[in-house]
N, C-alpha and C. Protein backbone atom coordinates (compact mmCIF):
# COMPACT_ATOMS: atom_id res chain seq x y z
N MET A 1 -29.98 -20.40 -9.01
CA MET A 1 -28.80 -19.63 -8.65
C MET A 1 -27.57 -20.28 -9.29
N ASN A 2 -26.78 -19.46 -9.92
CA ASN A 2 -25.59 -19.96 -10.60
C ASN A 2 -24.33 -19.65 -9.78
N LYS A 3 -24.37 -20.01 -8.50
CA LYS A 3 -23.24 -19.77 -7.60
C LYS A 3 -22.74 -21.10 -7.06
N LYS A 4 -21.44 -21.15 -6.77
CA LYS A 4 -20.85 -22.33 -6.16
C LYS A 4 -20.08 -21.88 -4.93
N LYS A 5 -20.26 -22.57 -3.82
CA LYS A 5 -19.52 -22.26 -2.61
C LYS A 5 -18.07 -22.68 -2.81
N ILE A 6 -17.15 -21.76 -2.49
CA ILE A 6 -15.72 -22.04 -2.67
C ILE A 6 -14.99 -21.82 -1.35
N ALA A 7 -13.69 -21.94 -1.36
CA ALA A 7 -12.87 -21.84 -0.14
C ALA A 7 -13.07 -20.51 0.59
N ASN A 8 -13.01 -20.55 1.90
CA ASN A 8 -13.17 -19.37 2.75
C ASN A 8 -11.87 -18.59 2.88
N ILE A 9 -11.36 -18.09 1.78
CA ILE A 9 -10.16 -17.26 1.81
C ILE A 9 -10.40 -16.03 0.95
N PRO A 10 -9.76 -14.93 1.26
CA PRO A 10 -9.93 -13.72 0.45
C PRO A 10 -9.17 -13.86 -0.88
N PHE A 11 -9.89 -13.73 -1.97
CA PHE A 11 -9.30 -13.88 -3.30
C PHE A 11 -8.90 -12.55 -3.93
N GLY A 12 -9.43 -11.45 -3.46
CA GLY A 12 -9.16 -10.15 -4.06
C GLY A 12 -10.29 -9.74 -4.96
N PRO A 13 -10.10 -8.75 -5.75
CA PRO A 13 -8.85 -8.07 -6.10
C PRO A 13 -8.41 -7.06 -5.03
N TYR A 14 -7.10 -6.81 -5.01
CA TYR A 14 -6.51 -5.86 -4.09
C TYR A 14 -5.52 -4.99 -4.86
N ILE A 15 -5.49 -3.71 -4.54
CA ILE A 15 -4.43 -2.87 -5.08
C ILE A 15 -3.15 -3.28 -4.35
N THR A 16 -2.12 -3.58 -5.09
CA THR A 16 -0.84 -3.97 -4.51
C THR A 16 -0.13 -2.72 -4.01
N VAL A 17 0.33 -2.74 -2.77
CA VAL A 17 1.07 -1.61 -2.22
C VAL A 17 2.35 -2.10 -1.56
N LEU A 18 3.25 -1.17 -1.37
CA LEU A 18 4.49 -1.43 -0.65
C LEU A 18 4.42 -0.68 0.67
N ALA A 19 4.42 -1.42 1.77
CA ALA A 19 4.45 -0.80 3.10
C ALA A 19 5.90 -0.50 3.42
N GLY A 20 6.14 0.70 3.92
CA GLY A 20 7.51 1.10 4.24
C GLY A 20 7.69 1.46 5.70
N ALA A 21 8.87 1.19 6.21
CA ALA A 21 9.24 1.56 7.58
C ALA A 21 10.76 1.61 7.67
N THR A 22 11.23 2.36 8.62
CA THR A 22 12.67 2.39 8.90
C THR A 22 13.00 1.25 9.84
N VAL A 23 13.96 0.43 9.44
CA VAL A 23 14.39 -0.71 10.25
C VAL A 23 15.90 -0.61 10.43
N LYS A 24 16.33 -0.47 11.67
CA LYS A 24 17.76 -0.34 11.99
C LYS A 24 18.41 0.77 11.18
N GLY A 25 17.70 1.89 11.05
CA GLY A 25 18.23 3.06 10.37
C GLY A 25 18.16 3.05 8.86
N LYS A 26 17.58 2.00 8.26
CA LYS A 26 17.49 1.89 6.80
C LYS A 26 16.04 1.71 6.36
N PRO A 27 15.73 2.16 5.13
CA PRO A 27 14.38 1.92 4.62
C PRO A 27 14.16 0.45 4.31
N ASN A 28 12.98 -0.03 4.59
CA ASN A 28 12.60 -1.41 4.26
C ASN A 28 11.18 -1.38 3.72
N TYR A 29 10.93 -2.21 2.71
CA TYR A 29 9.61 -2.25 2.08
C TYR A 29 9.13 -3.69 1.96
N ALA A 30 7.84 -3.87 2.19
CA ALA A 30 7.20 -5.18 2.04
C ALA A 30 5.98 -5.02 1.15
N THR A 31 5.84 -5.88 0.17
CA THR A 31 4.67 -5.87 -0.71
C THR A 31 3.50 -6.50 0.03
N ILE A 32 2.39 -5.79 0.07
CA ILE A 32 1.21 -6.31 0.77
C ILE A 32 -0.06 -6.07 -0.04
N GLY A 33 -1.05 -6.88 0.22
CA GLY A 33 -2.38 -6.68 -0.36
C GLY A 33 -3.38 -6.33 0.72
N ALA A 34 -2.97 -6.47 1.99
CA ALA A 34 -3.87 -6.22 3.12
C ALA A 34 -3.69 -4.80 3.62
N TYR A 35 -4.43 -3.90 2.99
CA TYR A 35 -4.42 -2.50 3.41
C TYR A 35 -5.73 -1.89 2.96
N GLY A 36 -6.08 -0.77 3.54
CA GLY A 36 -7.30 -0.11 3.10
C GLY A 36 -7.64 1.12 3.91
N VAL A 37 -8.77 1.70 3.53
CA VAL A 37 -9.29 2.90 4.18
C VAL A 37 -10.09 2.47 5.40
N VAL A 38 -9.85 3.11 6.53
CA VAL A 38 -10.61 2.84 7.75
C VAL A 38 -11.72 3.88 7.89
N SER A 39 -11.38 5.14 7.65
CA SER A 39 -12.38 6.21 7.74
C SER A 39 -11.90 7.40 6.92
N GLN A 40 -12.77 8.36 6.77
CA GLN A 40 -12.42 9.57 6.02
C GLN A 40 -11.76 10.62 6.91
N LYS A 41 -11.30 10.28 8.08
CA LYS A 41 -10.75 11.23 9.06
C LYS A 41 -9.39 11.84 8.72
N PRO A 42 -8.49 11.40 8.05
CA PRO A 42 -8.28 10.25 7.17
C PRO A 42 -7.38 9.20 7.83
N VAL A 43 -7.79 7.95 7.72
CA VAL A 43 -7.10 6.85 8.38
C VAL A 43 -7.00 5.66 7.43
N LEU A 44 -5.81 5.05 7.38
CA LEU A 44 -5.57 3.82 6.61
C LEU A 44 -5.13 2.72 7.57
N TYR A 45 -5.23 1.48 7.10
CA TYR A 45 -4.66 0.37 7.87
C TYR A 45 -3.75 -0.44 6.96
N ILE A 46 -2.77 -1.08 7.57
CA ILE A 46 -1.99 -2.12 6.91
C ILE A 46 -1.97 -3.31 7.86
N SER A 47 -1.89 -4.50 7.30
CA SER A 47 -1.80 -5.70 8.11
C SER A 47 -0.56 -6.46 7.68
N LEU A 48 0.35 -6.67 8.64
CA LEU A 48 1.63 -7.30 8.36
C LEU A 48 1.82 -8.54 9.22
N LYS A 49 2.46 -9.54 8.64
CA LYS A 49 2.79 -10.75 9.40
C LYS A 49 3.76 -10.36 10.52
N ASN A 50 3.57 -10.95 11.69
CA ASN A 50 4.39 -10.61 12.86
C ASN A 50 5.88 -10.81 12.63
N THR A 51 6.25 -11.75 11.78
CA THR A 51 7.66 -12.06 11.54
C THR A 51 8.30 -11.14 10.50
N HIS A 52 7.52 -10.30 9.83
CA HIS A 52 8.08 -9.43 8.80
C HIS A 52 9.00 -8.38 9.40
N CYS A 53 10.05 -8.10 8.70
CA CYS A 53 11.01 -7.07 9.10
C CYS A 53 10.32 -5.71 9.20
N THR A 54 9.45 -5.41 8.27
CA THR A 54 8.74 -4.13 8.26
C THR A 54 7.91 -3.96 9.53
N THR A 55 7.34 -5.05 10.03
CA THR A 55 6.54 -5.01 11.26
C THR A 55 7.36 -4.46 12.41
N SER A 56 8.59 -4.94 12.55
CA SER A 56 9.45 -4.46 13.64
C SER A 56 9.75 -2.98 13.49
N GLY A 57 9.91 -2.51 12.25
CA GLY A 57 10.18 -1.09 12.02
C GLY A 57 9.01 -0.21 12.39
N VAL A 58 7.79 -0.65 12.07
CA VAL A 58 6.60 0.12 12.43
C VAL A 58 6.46 0.17 13.95
N LEU A 59 6.65 -0.97 14.59
CA LEU A 59 6.56 -1.02 16.06
C LEU A 59 7.61 -0.12 16.71
N GLU A 60 8.80 -0.11 16.15
CA GLU A 60 9.91 0.67 16.72
C GLU A 60 9.71 2.17 16.56
N ASN A 61 9.19 2.60 15.40
CA ASN A 61 9.15 4.03 15.07
C ASN A 61 7.77 4.67 15.16
N GLY A 62 6.70 3.87 15.12
CA GLY A 62 5.36 4.43 15.21
C GLY A 62 4.85 5.08 13.94
N PHE A 63 5.54 4.86 12.82
CA PHE A 63 5.12 5.39 11.53
C PHE A 63 5.26 4.32 10.47
N PHE A 64 4.44 4.41 9.42
CA PHE A 64 4.58 3.55 8.25
C PHE A 64 4.16 4.34 7.03
N THR A 65 4.56 3.84 5.87
CA THR A 65 4.11 4.44 4.62
C THR A 65 3.39 3.41 3.78
N VAL A 66 2.48 3.90 2.96
CA VAL A 66 1.80 3.09 1.96
C VAL A 66 2.17 3.71 0.63
N ASN A 67 2.88 2.95 -0.18
CA ASN A 67 3.39 3.40 -1.47
C ASN A 67 2.69 2.62 -2.56
N ILE A 68 2.07 3.33 -3.51
CA ILE A 68 1.33 2.67 -4.58
C ILE A 68 2.21 2.61 -5.82
N PRO A 69 2.72 1.42 -6.15
CA PRO A 69 3.57 1.30 -7.34
C PRO A 69 2.73 1.24 -8.61
N SER A 70 3.29 1.73 -9.70
CA SER A 70 2.63 1.57 -10.99
C SER A 70 2.90 0.16 -11.51
N SER A 71 2.13 -0.25 -12.48
CA SER A 71 2.29 -1.61 -13.03
C SER A 71 3.66 -1.80 -13.68
N GLY A 72 4.32 -0.71 -14.04
CA GLY A 72 5.66 -0.81 -14.62
C GLY A 72 6.72 -1.24 -13.62
N ALA A 73 6.40 -1.18 -12.34
CA ALA A 73 7.36 -1.56 -11.29
C ALA A 73 7.05 -2.94 -10.72
N VAL A 74 6.34 -3.77 -11.48
CA VAL A 74 5.87 -5.05 -10.95
C VAL A 74 7.02 -5.99 -10.54
N GLU A 75 8.14 -5.96 -11.25
CA GLU A 75 9.24 -6.86 -10.90
C GLU A 75 9.84 -6.50 -9.54
N LYS A 76 10.11 -5.21 -9.31
CA LYS A 76 10.64 -4.77 -8.02
C LYS A 76 9.60 -4.97 -6.91
N THR A 77 8.35 -4.73 -7.24
CA THR A 77 7.27 -4.91 -6.26
C THR A 77 7.18 -6.36 -5.83
N ASP A 78 7.22 -7.27 -6.79
CA ASP A 78 7.16 -8.70 -6.48
C ASP A 78 8.38 -9.13 -5.65
N TYR A 79 9.54 -8.59 -6.00
CA TYR A 79 10.76 -8.92 -5.26
C TYR A 79 10.62 -8.54 -3.78
N CYS A 80 10.06 -7.36 -3.52
CA CYS A 80 9.90 -6.92 -2.13
C CYS A 80 8.91 -7.78 -1.35
N GLY A 81 8.05 -8.51 -2.05
CA GLY A 81 7.14 -9.42 -1.38
C GLY A 81 7.65 -10.85 -1.33
N THR A 82 8.73 -11.11 -2.05
CA THR A 82 9.28 -12.46 -2.14
C THR A 82 10.43 -12.68 -1.17
N VAL A 83 11.28 -11.66 -1.01
CA VAL A 83 12.43 -11.80 -0.12
C VAL A 83 12.16 -11.09 1.21
N SER A 84 12.72 -11.61 2.26
CA SER A 84 12.53 -11.06 3.60
C SER A 84 13.59 -10.02 3.92
N GLY A 85 13.15 -8.90 4.47
CA GLY A 85 14.07 -7.89 4.95
C GLY A 85 14.88 -8.37 6.14
N ASN A 86 14.47 -9.48 6.74
CA ASN A 86 15.25 -10.09 7.82
C ASN A 86 16.50 -10.77 7.27
N LYS A 87 16.50 -11.09 5.97
CA LYS A 87 17.63 -11.80 5.35
C LYS A 87 18.34 -10.97 4.28
N VAL A 88 17.62 -10.05 3.64
CA VAL A 88 18.15 -9.28 2.51
C VAL A 88 17.95 -7.79 2.78
N ASP A 89 18.97 -7.00 2.52
CA ASP A 89 18.87 -5.54 2.66
C ASP A 89 18.12 -5.00 1.44
N LYS A 90 16.91 -4.51 1.65
CA LYS A 90 16.09 -4.01 0.54
C LYS A 90 16.14 -2.49 0.43
N SER A 91 17.08 -1.85 1.12
CA SER A 91 17.12 -0.39 1.17
C SER A 91 17.51 0.27 -0.15
N GLU A 92 18.13 -0.46 -1.06
CA GLU A 92 18.59 0.12 -2.33
C GLU A 92 17.72 -0.27 -3.53
N ILE A 93 16.65 -1.02 -3.30
CA ILE A 93 15.81 -1.45 -4.42
C ILE A 93 15.12 -0.26 -5.08
N PHE A 94 14.64 0.66 -4.25
CA PHE A 94 13.99 1.87 -4.73
C PHE A 94 14.76 3.08 -4.18
N GLU A 95 14.54 4.22 -4.80
CA GLU A 95 15.08 5.46 -4.25
C GLU A 95 14.08 5.97 -3.21
N SER A 96 14.53 6.14 -1.99
CA SER A 96 13.65 6.56 -0.90
C SER A 96 13.74 8.06 -0.67
N PHE A 97 12.64 8.62 -0.15
CA PHE A 97 12.64 10.00 0.32
C PHE A 97 11.83 10.04 1.61
N TYR A 98 11.99 11.13 2.35
CA TYR A 98 11.34 11.27 3.66
C TYR A 98 10.64 12.62 3.75
N ASP A 99 9.69 12.73 4.67
CA ASP A 99 9.10 14.02 4.98
C ASP A 99 10.13 14.83 5.77
N GLU A 100 9.77 16.05 6.11
CA GLU A 100 10.71 16.93 6.80
C GLU A 100 11.22 16.33 8.11
N ALA A 101 10.37 15.59 8.81
CA ALA A 101 10.75 15.01 10.11
C ALA A 101 11.49 13.68 9.98
N GLY A 102 11.54 13.11 8.78
CA GLY A 102 12.23 11.84 8.57
C GLY A 102 11.56 10.66 9.22
N ASN A 103 10.22 10.68 9.28
CA ASN A 103 9.47 9.67 10.03
C ASN A 103 9.51 8.26 9.45
N ALA A 104 9.32 8.11 8.15
CA ALA A 104 9.32 6.79 7.52
C ALA A 104 9.64 6.95 6.04
N PRO A 105 10.27 5.95 5.43
CA PRO A 105 10.67 6.07 4.03
C PRO A 105 9.50 5.94 3.07
N MET A 106 9.57 6.73 2.00
CA MET A 106 8.61 6.63 0.91
C MET A 106 9.39 6.37 -0.37
N ILE A 107 8.73 5.79 -1.36
CA ILE A 107 9.39 5.38 -2.60
C ILE A 107 9.17 6.43 -3.68
N LYS A 108 10.28 7.01 -4.15
CA LYS A 108 10.21 8.05 -5.17
C LYS A 108 9.55 7.55 -6.46
N GLU A 109 9.82 6.30 -6.84
CA GLU A 109 9.28 5.77 -8.09
C GLU A 109 7.78 5.48 -8.03
N CYS A 110 7.20 5.44 -6.85
CA CYS A 110 5.75 5.18 -6.72
C CYS A 110 4.98 6.48 -6.94
N PRO A 111 3.95 6.45 -7.78
CA PRO A 111 3.20 7.67 -8.09
C PRO A 111 2.48 8.29 -6.89
N VAL A 112 2.10 7.48 -5.90
CA VAL A 112 1.37 7.99 -4.74
C VAL A 112 1.98 7.39 -3.46
N ASN A 113 2.15 8.25 -2.46
CA ASN A 113 2.74 7.83 -1.18
C ASN A 113 1.92 8.42 -0.03
N TYR A 114 1.61 7.58 0.94
CA TYR A 114 0.92 8.02 2.16
C TYR A 114 1.85 7.81 3.34
N LEU A 115 2.02 8.83 4.16
CA LEU A 115 2.76 8.73 5.40
C LEU A 115 1.75 8.68 6.54
N CYS A 116 1.84 7.65 7.37
CA CYS A 116 0.85 7.45 8.43
C CYS A 116 1.51 7.32 9.80
N LYS A 117 0.87 7.92 10.79
CA LYS A 117 1.29 7.79 12.18
C LYS A 117 0.39 6.75 12.84
N VAL A 118 0.98 5.77 13.48
CA VAL A 118 0.21 4.69 14.11
C VAL A 118 -0.63 5.26 15.25
N ILE A 119 -1.94 4.97 15.21
CA ILE A 119 -2.83 5.40 16.29
C ILE A 119 -3.46 4.22 17.03
N GLN A 120 -3.37 3.04 16.42
CA GLN A 120 -3.88 1.84 17.08
C GLN A 120 -3.20 0.61 16.50
N ILE A 121 -2.98 -0.37 17.34
CA ILE A 121 -2.38 -1.65 16.93
C ILE A 121 -3.31 -2.76 17.36
N ILE A 122 -3.65 -3.64 16.40
CA ILE A 122 -4.56 -4.74 16.69
C ILE A 122 -3.90 -6.06 16.29
N PRO A 123 -3.62 -6.94 17.26
CA PRO A 123 -3.09 -8.27 16.92
C PRO A 123 -4.21 -9.15 16.39
N ILE A 124 -3.94 -9.82 15.26
CA ILE A 124 -4.91 -10.72 14.65
C ILE A 124 -4.17 -11.99 14.23
N PHE A 125 -4.39 -13.08 14.96
CA PHE A 125 -3.70 -14.34 14.71
C PHE A 125 -2.20 -14.09 14.63
N ASP A 126 -1.56 -14.40 13.50
CA ASP A 126 -0.11 -14.19 13.38
C ASP A 126 0.22 -12.92 12.61
N PHE A 127 -0.73 -11.99 12.58
CA PHE A 127 -0.56 -10.69 11.92
C PHE A 127 -0.75 -9.57 12.93
N THR A 128 -0.26 -8.39 12.56
CA THR A 128 -0.53 -7.18 13.33
C THR A 128 -1.13 -6.16 12.38
N MET A 129 -2.29 -5.64 12.77
CA MET A 129 -2.93 -4.58 11.99
C MET A 129 -2.54 -3.24 12.61
N PHE A 130 -1.97 -2.38 11.77
CA PHE A 130 -1.61 -1.04 12.20
C PHE A 130 -2.61 -0.07 11.60
N ILE A 131 -3.26 0.69 12.45
CA ILE A 131 -4.18 1.72 11.99
C ILE A 131 -3.44 3.03 12.12
N GLY A 132 -3.37 3.77 11.01
CA GLY A 132 -2.56 4.98 11.00
C GLY A 132 -3.28 6.19 10.45
N GLU A 133 -3.12 7.29 11.15
CA GLU A 133 -3.65 8.56 10.66
C GLU A 133 -2.73 9.06 9.55
N ILE A 134 -3.31 9.44 8.43
CA ILE A 134 -2.51 9.97 7.32
C ILE A 134 -2.04 11.37 7.71
N VAL A 135 -0.72 11.55 7.76
CA VAL A 135 -0.17 12.86 8.11
C VAL A 135 0.38 13.61 6.89
N ALA A 136 0.59 12.89 5.79
CA ALA A 136 1.03 13.54 4.55
C ALA A 136 0.76 12.60 3.37
N VAL A 137 0.43 13.20 2.23
CA VAL A 137 0.25 12.45 0.99
C VAL A 137 1.09 13.15 -0.08
N TYR A 138 1.84 12.36 -0.83
CA TYR A 138 2.64 12.88 -1.93
C TYR A 138 2.19 12.18 -3.21
N ALA A 139 2.18 12.92 -4.32
CA ALA A 139 1.80 12.33 -5.60
C ALA A 139 2.63 12.96 -6.71
N ASN A 140 2.99 12.14 -7.69
CA ASN A 140 3.69 12.65 -8.87
C ASN A 140 2.78 13.65 -9.58
N LYS A 141 3.33 14.80 -9.94
CA LYS A 141 2.54 15.85 -10.58
C LYS A 141 1.87 15.37 -11.85
N ASP A 142 2.56 14.52 -12.63
CA ASP A 142 1.99 14.06 -13.90
C ASP A 142 0.85 13.05 -13.73
N CYS A 143 0.58 12.63 -12.51
CA CYS A 143 -0.53 11.70 -12.23
C CYS A 143 -1.76 12.42 -11.69
N LEU A 144 -1.64 13.72 -11.50
CA LEU A 144 -2.74 14.47 -10.90
C LEU A 144 -3.71 15.00 -11.94
N GLU A 145 -4.97 15.03 -11.55
CA GLU A 145 -6.04 15.63 -12.35
C GLU A 145 -6.94 16.36 -11.36
N ASN A 146 -7.05 17.66 -11.50
CA ASN A 146 -7.82 18.48 -10.56
C ASN A 146 -7.31 18.31 -9.12
N GLY A 147 -5.99 18.18 -8.97
CA GLY A 147 -5.39 18.08 -7.65
C GLY A 147 -5.47 16.72 -6.98
N ARG A 148 -5.98 15.72 -7.69
CA ARG A 148 -6.12 14.37 -7.12
C ARG A 148 -5.49 13.35 -8.06
N PRO A 149 -4.96 12.24 -7.51
CA PRO A 149 -4.39 11.20 -8.37
C PRO A 149 -5.46 10.59 -9.29
N ASN A 150 -5.11 10.44 -10.56
CA ASN A 150 -5.98 9.80 -11.54
C ASN A 150 -5.52 8.35 -11.69
N ALA A 151 -6.44 7.41 -11.48
CA ALA A 151 -6.09 5.98 -11.48
C ALA A 151 -5.44 5.54 -12.78
N LEU A 152 -5.90 6.05 -13.92
CA LEU A 152 -5.33 5.62 -15.19
C LEU A 152 -3.93 6.18 -15.40
N LYS A 153 -3.61 7.27 -14.72
CA LYS A 153 -2.26 7.83 -14.79
C LYS A 153 -1.34 7.17 -13.75
N VAL A 154 -1.89 6.82 -12.59
CA VAL A 154 -1.11 6.13 -11.56
C VAL A 154 -0.76 4.73 -12.01
N LYS A 155 -1.68 4.07 -12.71
CA LYS A 155 -1.51 2.70 -13.21
C LYS A 155 -1.18 1.72 -12.09
N PRO A 156 -2.06 1.63 -11.06
CA PRO A 156 -1.78 0.71 -9.96
C PRO A 156 -1.79 -0.74 -10.41
N THR A 157 -1.13 -1.56 -9.64
CA THR A 157 -1.09 -3.00 -9.90
C THR A 157 -2.14 -3.68 -9.03
N VAL A 158 -2.96 -4.50 -9.65
CA VAL A 158 -4.01 -5.22 -8.94
C VAL A 158 -3.56 -6.66 -8.75
N LEU A 159 -3.75 -7.18 -7.53
CA LEU A 159 -3.38 -8.56 -7.21
C LEU A 159 -4.65 -9.39 -7.09
N MET A 160 -4.71 -10.49 -7.84
CA MET A 160 -5.83 -11.43 -7.74
C MET A 160 -5.41 -12.74 -8.40
N ASP A 161 -5.87 -13.84 -7.83
CA ASP A 161 -5.63 -15.15 -8.41
C ASP A 161 -4.14 -15.40 -8.65
N SER A 162 -3.31 -15.04 -7.67
CA SER A 162 -1.86 -15.22 -7.74
C SER A 162 -1.22 -14.51 -8.93
N GLY A 163 -1.88 -13.46 -9.41
CA GLY A 163 -1.33 -12.72 -10.54
C GLY A 163 -1.43 -11.22 -10.34
N TYR A 164 -0.64 -10.48 -11.10
CA TYR A 164 -0.68 -9.02 -11.09
C TYR A 164 -1.36 -8.55 -12.36
N PHE A 165 -2.20 -7.54 -12.23
CA PHE A 165 -2.95 -7.00 -13.36
C PHE A 165 -2.88 -5.48 -13.31
N ASP A 166 -3.16 -4.84 -14.46
CA ASP A 166 -3.22 -3.39 -14.49
C ASP A 166 -4.63 -2.93 -14.83
N LEU A 167 -4.86 -1.63 -14.71
CA LEU A 167 -6.15 -1.04 -15.06
C LEU A 167 -6.03 -0.43 -16.45
N ASN A 168 -7.04 -0.65 -17.27
CA ASN A 168 -6.98 -0.10 -18.62
C ASN A 168 -8.06 0.93 -18.92
N ASN A 169 -9.21 0.85 -18.28
CA ASN A 169 -10.30 1.76 -18.61
C ASN A 169 -11.07 2.19 -17.37
N ARG A 170 -11.63 3.39 -17.44
CA ARG A 170 -12.58 3.84 -16.43
C ARG A 170 -13.94 3.34 -16.88
N VAL A 171 -14.67 2.70 -15.97
CA VAL A 171 -15.97 2.13 -16.34
C VAL A 171 -17.13 2.86 -15.68
N GLY A 172 -16.85 3.86 -14.87
CA GLY A 172 -17.90 4.62 -14.22
C GLY A 172 -17.31 5.64 -13.27
N SER A 173 -18.19 6.47 -12.68
CA SER A 173 -17.79 7.48 -11.71
C SER A 173 -18.63 7.32 -10.45
N ILE A 174 -17.97 7.37 -9.30
CA ILE A 174 -18.65 7.17 -8.03
C ILE A 174 -19.78 8.18 -7.84
N PHE A 175 -20.90 7.71 -7.39
CA PHE A 175 -22.12 8.48 -7.13
C PHE A 175 -22.73 9.10 -8.38
N LYS A 176 -22.29 8.69 -9.57
CA LYS A 176 -22.83 9.25 -10.81
C LYS A 176 -23.24 8.19 -11.81
N THR A 177 -22.71 6.98 -11.69
CA THR A 177 -22.95 5.94 -12.68
C THR A 177 -24.33 5.32 -12.55
N CYS A 178 -24.85 5.23 -11.33
CA CYS A 178 -26.15 4.57 -11.14
C CYS A 178 -27.29 5.44 -11.66
N LYS A 179 -28.40 4.81 -11.99
CA LYS A 179 -29.57 5.51 -12.53
C LYS A 179 -30.19 6.45 -11.52
N GLY A 180 -30.04 6.15 -10.24
CA GLY A 180 -30.65 6.98 -9.19
C GLY A 180 -29.81 8.16 -8.76
N SER A 181 -28.71 8.43 -9.45
CA SER A 181 -27.85 9.54 -9.04
C SER A 181 -28.52 10.88 -9.31
N ARG A 182 -28.12 11.86 -8.53
CA ARG A 182 -28.75 13.20 -8.63
C ARG A 182 -28.13 14.02 -9.72
């Protein structure tokens, strides 16, 4: 076996996203790698440090957004993960928009945006996991293919090994690439 046991920490890769919430009446965004699909019902989760400004906004309003930035926005994305909304007003970094009800801010420059209503909160050590039902999805028209976001057009940023990376090629199709596919 050509394997070596390494540190017990998650190394990634993770799609980098910006979690959004309204904090004291203003949009706030935090760059996170801890998010994902919970079920096809459709439900997503985000996990935020308890001290994050965005955490207080989600707790206060019961809504959050997951915004997928393209690799071209890596500088602003990194900034939102480097500075704290508790110390710096991040409301003007991106142009924000809202759904009809004004539930939580979404980022206009991000090709894909998910608006989620919190349905469960799970405390985990010094983090809070928010499980949210997706109530709306927005996508840039030029990123759509057959009504769905195309990864090569979205150009998401991947986080791994303390670095940001982009996607360059499609290497297969789900349920079709394997030899046993129907």
